[in-house]
Protein backbone atom coordinates (compact mmCIF):
# COMPACT_ATOMS: atom_id res chain seq x y z
CA UNK A 1 -150.46 186.32 -66.20
CA UNK A 2 -153.40 186.86 -69.48
CA UNK A 3 -156.63 184.73 -69.68
CA UNK A 4 -155.00 182.87 -72.74
CA UNK A 5 -152.23 182.09 -70.74
CA UNK A 6 -154.82 180.98 -67.58
CA UNK A 7 -156.18 179.20 -70.52
CA UNK A 8 -153.48 177.15 -72.01
CA UNK A 9 -151.07 176.23 -69.00
CA UNK A 10 -154.53 174.72 -67.25
CA UNK A 11 -154.89 172.33 -70.88
CA UNK A 12 -150.67 171.70 -70.19
CA UNK A 13 -151.29 170.81 -66.22
CA UNK A 14 -154.15 168.71 -67.55
CA UNK A 15 -152.74 167.10 -70.73
CA UNK A 16 -149.58 165.68 -68.18
CA UNK A 17 -151.28 164.28 -65.68
CA UNK A 18 -153.12 162.36 -68.08
CA UNK A 19 -150.18 161.77 -70.17
CA UNK A 20 -148.09 159.71 -66.21
CA UNK A 21 -151.18 158.38 -65.48
CA UNK A 22 -151.91 157.01 -69.45
CA UNK A 23 -147.76 156.04 -69.22
CA UNK A 24 -148.36 154.49 -65.62
CA UNK A 25 -151.11 152.40 -66.22
CA UNK A 26 -151.05 148.45 -67.34
CA UNK A 27 -154.19 149.53 -70.45
CA UNK A 28 -152.53 148.09 -73.63
CA UNK A 29 -153.73 147.12 -77.41
CA UNK A 30 -155.98 150.01 -79.32
CA UNK A 31 -157.78 151.26 -75.78
CA UNK A 32 -154.02 152.24 -75.20
CA UNK A 33 -153.97 154.66 -78.66
CA UNK A 34 -157.19 155.94 -78.26
CA UNK A 35 -156.66 156.98 -74.37
CA UNK A 36 -153.84 159.24 -75.39
CA UNK A 37 -155.52 161.07 -78.19
CA UNK A 38 -157.29 162.15 -75.48
CA UNK A 39 -154.26 164.35 -74.56
CA UNK A 40 -153.02 165.45 -77.14
CA UNK A 41 -156.21 166.47 -78.72
CA UNK A 42 -156.36 168.36 -75.19
CA UNK A 43 -152.92 170.33 -75.96
CA UNK A 44 -152.12 170.08 -79.48
CA UNK A 45 -155.50 170.80 -80.61
CA UNK A 46 -154.82 174.29 -81.69
CA UNK A 47 -151.55 172.70 -84.02
CA UNK A 48 -153.44 170.95 -85.53
CA UNK A 49 -156.28 174.00 -85.88
CA UNK A 50 -153.23 175.62 -88.14
CA UNK A 51 -152.17 173.39 -89.19
CA UNK A 52 -154.82 172.53 -91.49
CA UNK A 53 -155.10 176.34 -91.90
CA UNK A 54 -152.34 176.52 -93.08
CA UNK A 55 -152.43 173.28 -96.24
CA UNK A 56 -155.55 175.90 -96.56
CA UNK A 57 -154.05 179.13 -97.39
CA UNK A 58 -151.50 177.95 -99.44
CA UNK A 59 -148.51 177.78 -96.71
CA UNK A 60 -147.92 174.10 -95.99
CA UNK A 61 -145.08 173.59 -95.06
CA UNK A 62 -144.87 175.78 -91.67
CA UNK A 63 -144.28 174.73 -88.15
CA UNK A 64 -147.03 173.47 -87.63
CA UNK A 65 -147.14 170.91 -90.72
CA UNK A 66 -144.43 169.57 -89.12
CA UNK A 67 -145.13 168.97 -86.07
CA UNK A 68 -148.65 167.43 -86.71
CA UNK A 69 -146.65 165.42 -89.23
CA UNK A 70 -144.55 164.18 -85.95
CA UNK A 71 -146.75 164.10 -83.87
CA UNK A 72 -148.64 161.02 -85.77
CA UNK A 73 -145.13 159.31 -87.13
CA UNK A 74 -145.14 158.40 -83.03
CA UNK A 75 -148.42 157.79 -83.28
CA UNK A 76 -148.19 154.84 -86.15
CA UNK A 77 -144.68 153.88 -84.14
CA UNK A 78 -146.14 153.12 -81.25
CA UNK A 79 -144.70 156.12 -78.91
CA UNK A 80 -147.97 157.40 -77.75
CA UNK A 81 -145.69 158.68 -74.97
CA UNK A 82 -144.08 160.59 -76.92
CA UNK A 83 -146.81 161.57 -79.72
CA UNK A 84 -147.93 163.44 -76.64
């Protein structure tokens, strides 16, 4: 396993543990949203960066932008675990 793959696996494991802990927690409201953003950015920041770079380079409708729009829609509808 390469160093890049090990780093990605570690990010996925950390985000998964946080996701399960948050899904089982009784926290509500904006605090819940803020806490769900932590695993979202841990596991998905590279997709967000690729989406932004794609827009800047004129490749607007690629899979990274579509994934970003889908996760933002899930956050807006209150499905925080689904978004992550």
